[in-house]
Amino acid sequence: MSAFIGTSLKKILLPSKVQVIKVPKSKKKKYTKMLRKSGLSKKIKIKSLC
């Protein structure tokens, strides 16, 4: 789980126009709550994988 978060955070730091984090569909609520609580900007979108 921590490796997945580390990979996602590296992607956030790379410059791009639209910032999106893709998380497993079954755990989207948990990831959203955890990432927002850790200080993730509300401008960054969190999407679930298919």
Protein backbone atom coordinates (compact mmCIF):
# COMPACT_ATOMS: atom_id res chain seq x y z
CA MET A 1 0.00 0.00 0.00
CA SER A 2 2.77 2.49 0.85
CA ALA A 3 4.56 1.77 -2.44
CA PHE A 4 1.36 2.65 -4.31
CA ILE A 5 1.06 5.94 -2.42
CA GLY A 6 4.72 6.74 -3.06
CA THR A 7 4.24 6.20 -6.79
CA SER A 8 1.13 8.38 -6.79
CA LEU A 9 2.90 11.19 -4.95
CA LYS A 10 5.77 11.12 -7.47
CA LYS A 11 3.22 11.57 -10.26
CA ILE A 12 1.71 14.54 -8.42
CA LEU A 13 5.06 16.29 -8.22
CA LEU A 14 5.60 16.07 -11.98
CA PRO A 15 4.31 19.17 -13.79
CA SER A 16 1.16 18.68 -15.83
CA LYS A 17 -2.04 20.57 -16.57
CA VAL A 18 -4.43 18.17 -14.86
CA GLN A 19 -3.47 16.36 -11.68
CA VAL A 20 -5.21 12.98 -11.20
CA ILE A 21 -4.54 10.14 -8.77
CA LYS A 22 -5.91 6.75 -9.76
CA VAL A 23 -6.80 4.42 -6.89
CA PRO A 24 -8.49 1.01 -6.65
CA LYS A 25 -12.26 1.32 -6.97
CA SER A 26 -12.96 -0.71 -3.83
CA LYS A 27 -10.72 1.56 -1.69
CA LYS A 28 -11.47 4.98 -3.19
CA LYS A 29 -13.19 6.32 -0.05
CA LYS A 30 -10.31 5.28 2.21
CA TYR A 31 -7.64 6.72 -0.10
CA THR A 32 -9.58 9.96 -0.58
CA LYS A 33 -9.99 10.46 3.16
CA MET A 34 -6.36 9.57 3.87
CA LEU A 35 -4.87 11.75 1.13
CA ARG A 36 -7.05 14.79 1.93
CA LYS A 37 -6.20 14.44 5.62
CA SER A 38 -2.48 14.37 4.77
CA GLY A 39 -2.80 17.74 3.00
CA LEU A 40 -3.55 16.90 -0.63
CA SER A 41 -5.01 19.88 -2.49
CA LYS A 42 -8.71 19.82 -3.38
CA LYS A 43 -7.73 20.77 -6.96
CA ILE A 44 -6.22 17.32 -7.48
CA LYS A 45 -8.76 14.76 -8.67
CA ILE A 46 -8.95 11.23 -7.28
CA LYS A 47 -10.38 8.72 -9.75
CA SER A 48 -11.04 5.04 -9.38
CA LEU A 49 -9.56 2.42 -11.67
CA CYS A 50 -11.99 0.42 -13.78
